[in-house]
Structures are given as structure tokens and as C-alpha cells.
Amino acid sequence: MGQMQEGFADQVPISFELHGYELAVPSGHPLLQFHTPGAGGFQPYRERGLTLVMTALERLRRRGVVVDIGANVGDTLAVIARHSSLDVLCVEPSDFFLPYLRRNVDRHFLDRATVADWYITANDDEPARSLFHWGGTAKPVDGPYSERGRVVPVGRLFDDLDDVALVKIDTDGADLAIVEGCLASQSPAFPIMFELEITTNDLNEARRACTRARTFFARMADAGYRQAFVWDDPGRFYGRLDLADEMAITNLLNYLTQLRHRAIWGFDICAIHESDSAMTAELSTVISEDLLVPLDWPDV
């Protein structure tokens, strides 16, 4: 097992209700704070974006599988299962979180979820990295591969999947690279949901991260992923963007990197291919039902 934050290994399994399912979670997992009313870290809209994405897919009666890269203990799976009837491939490399994931799948989701003990890389020749366990996640860091599972390039992940309804990525730092690897190897048209994080407070590092993000969004737009729906990390809707609009991307990144007062540390982004106009329209409708001013508010 990889490196760990001090005290991380001392956690014990506890039972916690999440989205209507009784899940086993580590006793220090941030999920307990995020989803407990009255707790200091309570976030009532947490994962609202994923909830609405799954609602839109269900309304469209999409079939196939949701690929959950970075499945952790199965909290994302619980959202997917609560709001859709889709099957889920849960990909998790951490030897610490895997027993929790397997236990939760065995208890609630055996009829629709499969667990894959894989470390996903962006490219065929990319080596797996060590995982540093902290908070509620396992972050790839420099060092030799530390887990027991297989190393699978993202291009090979889809070899045996005939119909992908959604790819959901949350790897604590490798999301953009994995999306780029997917675009390079698959020419996909399915929705892709991922996390954009810029967590540094160093000005120069933040600027480099913003430059990297701008290049990434340009590549997505070139690959046909023009429309993106964005929520901040506590789950509040930020907006719908055209990823080819450089000023819209600049505004997004400037909002994220308010270094004098960090209100948020990341965005959840669902990017939709230009060929999937039905999903763009349905998700716009679902989101509008949540908003004071709907996305299709008429001109006055």
C-alpha cells in the first residue's frame, strides 16, 4: 500500500447512510462532514452536478455502462444508482479503499456494479505512480507504483465495453491527462465528467496550472467537446460554457484561482460532444428546473 498521511491507517470502518444506502466508510472520511447536517463541513449540494447528469441520462433512457474512474468507497456509485438504472464499472487502484468499495458493492449493488482493481494511465508507455493517501482520497505522487492492481492505459479500458453512457473521473490530480489520453486513443462521443483542481496558493504555480488548463480545454473543443456544464466543488452550479470561448475559460480559471481568499478548490465539469445534442438539451432542461433563472430564459 502507498504512502499515508499521519494517522490515516488508524481509521476503522463505520456505517454511514449516503443517498439512501448504508455504506461502510473509513472513520475519518470527509464524506461524513460533507453529508451530515450541522457538521462543520456540511455541503448540502455536494455531487449535485452528478445527480443532474444522471437524471438527464435516465430521462433520455440511455443504456450502457457508466465508467467510474476513481471509485473510492462507492459514494459516486451510490449517486449513480439512486438516480439511474445504468450499470457501473467501478475502477479503483487503492489497496486501502478497495475493501470498502467491494463491501459496499456486495451489500447493495451486485446486480449492476463491477469492481476493477486497476490503476489508469493516460498513455500506453506511462508508468504507474505511487499513491499518497490523505483525507478521503489517494493522490498519484512521484515514486514507484505502490498498489497490487493492474496498470491499464485508458485507451485499453474501453476495449471490452460496447456502449458507454458516461465516463466519470476523479483521481485527485490526473483527471486532465486521462481525458486527453481518452481523446487521443478513442475519438469518443460519450459525455465525460471530470474534476478540474488548482489547489496551490503559489502565484507562479497557479499561472502554470491555468496555462495547462487552457491548453486542455482547447484540445477538448478540437475533439468536438464544445459544451460543458460546470459546478463548483461544494455542488453549486457555475454555468454552461463553450469550451472554444477563450474568454469564458479565462473567467472560469480566474474565478477558481482567487488566491487572496480561496472560496473553492475545484470544479466538477461535464463535457458533452457536439454530436450529442439530445444530452445537451436534456441536461439544460434538468438544470433549469433547479435554477431561479432557467438557462433558456427569454430575452426581455
Protein backbone atom coordinates (compact mmCIF):
# COMPACT_ATOMS: atom_id res chain seq x y z
CA MET A 1 0.00 0.00 0.00
CA GLY A 2 1.22 3.52 -0.78
CA GLN A 3 2.25 6.42 1.38
CA MET A 4 -0.15 7.76 4.00
CA GLN A 5 -0.88 10.94 5.88
CA GLU A 6 -0.04 10.64 9.57
CA GLY A 7 -2.81 8.77 11.38
CA PHE A 8 -4.54 7.72 8.14
CA ALA A 9 -4.04 3.99 8.75
CA ASP A 10 -5.66 4.24 12.19
CA GLN A 11 -9.15 4.63 10.72
CA VAL A 12 -11.77 1.94 11.29
CA PRO A 13 -14.85 1.05 9.22
CA ILE A 14 -18.07 2.71 10.28
CA SER A 15 -21.56 2.63 8.81
CA PHE A 16 -22.87 5.78 7.17
CA GLU A 17 -26.06 6.45 5.19
CA LEU A 18 -25.40 8.11 1.84
CA HIS A 19 -28.08 8.73 -0.81
CA GLY A 20 -30.28 6.14 0.87
CA TYR A 21 -27.65 3.39 1.09
CA GLU A 22 -25.91 2.23 4.25
CA LEU A 23 -22.23 2.32 3.25
CA ALA A 24 -19.06 1.26 5.01
CA VAL A 25 -16.63 4.20 5.10
CA PRO A 26 -13.34 4.95 6.93
CA SER A 27 -13.99 6.75 10.19
CA GLY A 28 -12.08 9.87 9.12
CA HIS A 29 -13.50 10.19 5.62
CA PRO A 30 -14.62 13.75 4.65
CA LEU A 31 -17.89 12.27 3.37
CA LEU A 32 -19.04 12.24 6.99
CA GLN A 33 -18.63 16.01 7.22
CA PHE A 34 -19.95 16.77 3.73
CA HIS A 35 -23.22 14.90 4.21
CA THR A 36 -24.06 15.42 7.90
CA PRO A 37 -26.35 18.42 8.59
CA GLY A 38 -24.87 20.58 11.31
CA ALA A 39 -21.32 19.35 10.75
CA GLY A 40 -18.66 22.00 10.15
CA GLY A 41 -18.02 20.81 6.58
CA PHE A 42 -21.66 20.20 5.62
CA GLN A 43 -22.25 20.74 1.88
CA PRO A 44 -25.94 20.25 1.06
CA TYR A 45 -25.38 20.43 -2.71
CA ARG A 46 -22.39 18.08 -2.82
CA GLU A 47 -22.43 15.99 -6.04
CA ARG A 48 -25.43 17.93 -7.31
CA GLY A 49 -23.85 18.03 -10.75
CA LEU A 50 -23.56 14.26 -10.97
CA THR A 51 -27.14 13.90 -9.72
CA LEU A 52 -28.43 16.10 -12.55
CA VAL A 53 -26.25 14.42 -15.18
CA MET A 54 -27.61 11.01 -14.16
CA THR A 55 -31.16 12.37 -14.14
CA ALA A 56 -30.72 13.61 -17.71
CA LEU A 57 -29.28 10.26 -18.88
CA GLU A 58 -32.19 8.44 -17.26
CA ARG A 59 -34.77 10.71 -18.88
CA LEU A 60 -33.14 10.01 -22.23
CA ARG A 61 -33.33 6.27 -21.46
CA ARG A 62 -29.64 5.85 -22.20
CA ARG A 63 -28.28 2.31 -21.96
CA GLY A 64 -24.79 1.00 -21.44
CA VAL A 65 -22.32 1.44 -18.61
CA VAL A 66 -21.01 4.32 -16.52
CA VAL A 67 -17.24 4.05 -16.11
CA ASP A 68 -16.31 5.44 -12.68
CA ILE A 69 -12.53 6.02 -12.62
CA GLY A 70 -11.51 6.69 -9.03
CA ALA A 71 -14.50 4.96 -7.42
CA ASN A 72 -13.14 5.31 -3.85
CA VAL A 73 -15.57 3.66 -1.37
CA GLY A 74 -18.54 3.69 -3.76
CA ASP A 75 -20.01 7.10 -2.95
CA THR A 76 -20.22 8.03 -6.65
CA LEU A 77 -21.79 4.65 -7.31
CA ALA A 78 -24.48 5.45 -4.72
CA VAL A 79 -25.40 8.66 -6.59
CA ILE A 80 -25.50 6.85 -9.93
CA ALA A 81 -27.62 4.01 -8.53
CA ARG A 82 -30.05 6.36 -6.80
CA HIS A 83 -30.72 8.44 -9.93
CA SER A 84 -30.43 5.97 -12.81
CA SER A 85 -30.77 2.31 -13.78
CA LEU A 86 -27.39 2.17 -15.55
CA ASP A 87 -24.70 -0.41 -14.82
CA VAL A 88 -21.39 0.84 -13.41
CA LEU A 89 -17.76 -0.23 -13.81
CA CYS A 90 -16.03 0.94 -10.62
CA VAL A 91 -12.29 1.42 -11.18
CA GLU A 92 -10.21 1.92 -8.02
CA PRO A 93 -6.46 1.28 -7.56
CA SER A 94 -6.04 1.98 -3.84
CA ASP A 95 -5.46 -1.09 -1.67
CA PHE A 96 -6.87 0.93 1.24
CA PHE A 97 -10.17 1.95 -0.35
CA LEU A 98 -10.80 -1.25 -2.35
CA PRO A 99 -12.08 -3.34 0.60
CA TYR A 100 -14.64 -0.63 1.39
CA LEU A 101 -15.73 -0.47 -2.25
CA ARG A 102 -16.06 -4.25 -2.54
CA ARG A 103 -18.01 -4.45 0.72
CA ASN A 104 -20.46 -1.76 -0.41
CA VAL A 105 -20.91 -3.30 -3.86
CA ASP A 106 -21.51 -6.74 -2.32
CA ARG A 107 -24.12 -5.30 0.01
CA HIS A 108 -26.11 -3.09 -2.34
CA PHE A 109 -25.03 -3.18 -5.99
CA LEU A 110 -24.09 -6.71 -7.06
CA ASP A 111 -26.75 -6.72 -9.78
CA ARG A 112 -25.36 -3.63 -11.51
CA ALA A 113 -21.77 -2.85 -10.48
CA THR A 114 -18.41 -4.45 -11.24
CA VAL A 115 -15.20 -3.63 -9.37
CA ALA A 116 -11.92 -3.34 -11.29
CA ASP A 117 -8.67 -3.15 -9.30
CA TRP A 118 -6.87 -1.01 -11.89
CA TYR A 119 -4.57 1.98 -11.99
CA ILE A 120 -5.49 4.00 -15.11
CA THR A 121 -2.74 5.77 -17.04
CA ALA A 122 -3.16 8.33 -19.80
CA ASN A 123 -0.79 6.60 -22.26
CA ASP A 124 0.42 3.11 -23.10
CA ASP A 125 4.01 3.86 -22.09
CA GLU A 126 3.22 5.82 -18.92
CA PRO A 127 4.42 4.18 -15.68
CA ALA A 128 2.08 3.93 -12.71
CA ARG A 129 2.97 6.14 -9.76
CA SER A 130 2.83 5.76 -6.01
CA LEU A 131 -0.39 6.74 -4.23
CA PHE A 132 -0.37 9.10 -1.26
CA HIS A 133 -3.41 8.51 0.94
CA TRP A 134 -4.82 11.54 2.72
CA GLY A 135 -8.25 12.92 3.66
CA GLY A 136 -10.66 10.83 1.62
CA THR A 137 -8.53 10.11 -1.41
CA ALA A 138 -5.35 8.58 -2.84
CA LYS A 139 -3.30 11.05 -4.87
CA PRO A 140 -0.72 9.96 -7.50
CA VAL A 141 2.73 11.19 -6.48
CA ASP A 142 6.28 10.57 -7.65
CA GLY A 143 7.58 7.19 -6.60
CA PRO A 144 7.33 3.51 -7.57
CA TYR A 145 3.88 2.01 -8.02
CA SER A 146 2.62 1.06 -4.57
CA GLU A 147 -0.57 -0.98 -5.08
CA ARG A 148 -1.33 -4.56 -6.15
CA GLY A 149 -3.74 -3.96 -9.02
CA ARG A 150 -3.17 -3.95 -12.78
CA VAL A 151 -1.90 -0.92 -14.66
CA VAL A 152 -4.29 -0.21 -17.56
CA PRO A 153 -3.87 2.59 -20.15
CA VAL A 154 -7.13 4.47 -20.62
CA GLY A 155 -7.24 3.53 -24.31
CA ARG A 156 -7.46 -0.16 -23.40
CA LEU A 157 -10.08 0.43 -20.73
CA PHE A 158 -12.83 0.59 -23.35
CA ASP A 159 -11.76 -2.44 -25.41
CA ASP A 160 -14.45 -4.72 -23.94
CA LEU A 161 -17.13 -2.06 -23.43
CA ASP A 162 -19.64 -1.87 -26.25
CA ASP A 163 -21.77 1.00 -25.02
CA VAL A 164 -20.52 3.72 -22.66
CA ALA A 165 -23.15 6.07 -21.26
CA LEU A 166 -20.77 8.28 -19.25
CA VAL A 167 -17.18 8.39 -18.09
CA LYS A 168 -16.77 9.86 -14.59
CA ILE A 169 -13.21 10.65 -13.48
CA ASP A 170 -11.98 11.68 -10.04
CA THR A 171 -8.32 10.78 -9.48
CA ASP A 172 -7.10 13.69 -7.34
CA GLY A 173 -4.81 15.22 -9.92
CA ALA A 174 -4.65 13.01 -13.04
CA ASP A 175 -8.08 13.81 -14.50
CA LEU A 176 -6.96 16.11 -17.33
CA ALA A 177 -4.24 13.73 -18.52
CA ILE A 178 -6.65 10.77 -18.50
CA VAL A 179 -9.24 12.74 -20.51
CA GLU A 180 -6.54 13.69 -23.03
CA GLY A 181 -5.47 10.06 -23.29
CA CYS A 182 -9.06 9.07 -23.92
CA LEU A 183 -9.43 11.68 -26.67
CA ALA A 184 -6.19 10.59 -28.33
CA SER A 185 -7.00 6.88 -28.38
CA GLN A 186 -10.76 6.58 -28.68
CA SER A 187 -12.31 9.56 -30.53
CA PRO A 188 -15.18 9.25 -28.04
CA ALA A 189 -18.61 10.85 -28.21
CA PHE A 190 -19.95 9.92 -24.77
CA PRO A 191 -20.26 12.56 -22.01
CA ILE A 192 -17.16 12.94 -19.84
CA MET A 193 -17.38 14.24 -16.29
CA PHE A 194 -14.16 15.14 -14.51
CA GLU A 195 -12.65 17.39 -11.87
CA LEU A 196 -10.54 20.48 -12.55
CA GLU A 197 -8.48 21.33 -9.48
CA ILE A 198 -5.95 24.10 -8.90
CA THR A 199 -5.08 23.86 -5.23
CA THR A 200 -1.81 25.76 -5.00
CA ASN A 201 -1.62 29.24 -3.48
CA ASP A 202 1.70 29.95 -5.16
CA LEU A 203 1.12 32.57 -7.87
CA ASN A 204 3.57 31.15 -10.41
CA GLU A 205 2.38 27.57 -9.91
CA ALA A 206 -1.24 28.69 -10.26
CA ARG A 207 -0.44 30.50 -13.51
CA ARG A 208 1.27 27.40 -14.90
CA ALA A 209 -1.76 25.34 -13.94
CA CYS A 210 -4.05 27.82 -15.68
CA THR A 211 -1.94 27.68 -18.84
CA ARG A 212 -2.14 23.90 -18.74
CA ALA A 213 -5.93 24.06 -18.29
CA ARG A 214 -6.37 26.45 -21.22
CA THR A 215 -4.45 24.06 -23.49
CA PHE A 216 -6.55 21.17 -22.22
CA PHE A 217 -9.87 22.90 -22.93
CA ALA A 218 -8.70 23.85 -26.43
CA ARG A 219 -7.96 20.17 -27.10
CA MET A 220 -11.39 19.18 -25.85
CA ALA A 221 -13.05 21.72 -28.14
CA ASP A 222 -10.99 20.49 -31.10
CA ALA A 223 -12.17 16.95 -30.34
CA GLY A 224 -15.82 18.05 -30.55
CA TYR A 225 -16.46 18.62 -26.84
CA ARG A 226 -17.70 22.20 -27.10
CA GLN A 227 -20.43 22.28 -24.45
CA ALA A 228 -19.57 21.98 -20.76
CA PHE A 229 -21.67 22.30 -17.62
CA VAL A 230 -19.76 23.39 -14.52
CA TRP A 231 -20.38 23.07 -10.77
CA ASP A 232 -18.03 24.22 -8.00
CA ASP A 233 -16.73 21.57 -5.61
CA PRO A 234 -19.48 22.10 -2.98
CA GLY A 235 -22.01 21.43 -5.80
CA ARG A 236 -23.29 24.89 -6.76
CA PHE A 237 -23.92 25.47 -10.46
CA TYR A 238 -21.41 27.84 -12.08
CA GLY A 239 -22.69 27.85 -15.66
CA ARG A 240 -22.77 26.38 -19.14
CA LEU A 241 -19.69 27.16 -21.25
CA ASP A 242 -18.49 26.92 -24.81
CA LEU A 243 -15.02 25.39 -24.40
CA ALA A 244 -13.84 27.14 -27.56
CA ASP A 245 -14.61 30.54 -25.99
CA GLU A 246 -11.23 31.67 -24.65
CA MET A 247 -12.67 34.50 -22.55
CA ALA A 248 -15.18 32.14 -20.90
CA ILE A 249 -12.32 29.81 -19.97
CA THR A 250 -10.25 32.74 -18.67
CA ASN A 251 -13.14 33.84 -16.47
CA LEU A 252 -13.59 30.28 -15.16
CA LEU A 253 -9.91 29.98 -14.23
CA ASN A 254 -9.75 33.43 -12.65
CA TYR A 255 -12.77 32.61 -10.52
CA LEU A 256 -11.16 29.35 -9.40
CA THR A 257 -7.81 30.90 -8.51
CA GLN A 258 -8.85 33.68 -6.15
CA LEU A 259 -5.62 33.35 -4.21
CA ARG A 260 -6.41 36.07 -1.65
CA HIS A 261 -9.42 34.12 -0.45
CA ARG A 262 -9.88 30.56 -1.68
CA ALA A 263 -13.62 30.02 -1.69
CA ILE A 264 -13.33 26.87 -3.84
CA TRP A 265 -10.56 24.50 -4.91
CA GLY A 266 -12.03 22.82 -7.95
CA PHE A 267 -14.87 22.42 -10.44
CA ASP A 268 -16.88 19.39 -11.49
CA ILE A 269 -17.26 19.60 -15.26
CA CYS A 270 -19.48 17.57 -17.58
CA ALA A 271 -18.36 17.96 -21.20
CA ILE A 272 -20.73 16.85 -23.96
CA HIS A 273 -19.79 16.04 -27.55
CA GLU A 274 -21.27 18.14 -30.32
CA SER A 275 -22.88 15.03 -31.81
CA ASP A 276 -24.97 14.52 -28.65
CA SER A 277 -27.32 17.48 -28.91
CA ALA A 278 -30.04 15.49 -27.14
CA MET A 279 -27.93 15.24 -23.97
CA THR A 280 -27.03 18.94 -24.10
CA ALA A 281 -30.71 19.87 -24.41
CA GLU A 282 -31.90 17.45 -21.71
CA LEU A 283 -29.23 18.44 -19.21
CA SER A 284 -30.02 22.11 -19.84
CA THR A 285 -33.67 21.36 -19.04
CA VAL A 286 -32.84 19.39 -15.88
CA ILE A 287 -30.50 22.14 -14.62
CA SER A 288 -33.04 24.85 -15.42
CA GLU A 289 -35.55 23.17 -13.14
CA ASP A 290 -33.06 23.83 -10.31
CA LEU A 291 -32.40 27.48 -11.12
CA LEU A 292 -34.13 30.73 -10.28
CA VAL A 293 -33.42 31.96 -13.80
CA PRO A 294 -33.52 29.00 -16.25
CA LEU A 295 -30.77 28.62 -18.84
CA ASP A 296 -33.29 29.26 -21.61
CA TRP A 297 -34.65 32.46 -20.01
CA PRO A 298 -36.09 34.53 -22.89
CA ASP A 299 -34.84 37.98 -23.82
CA VAL A 300 -36.96 40.86 -22.49
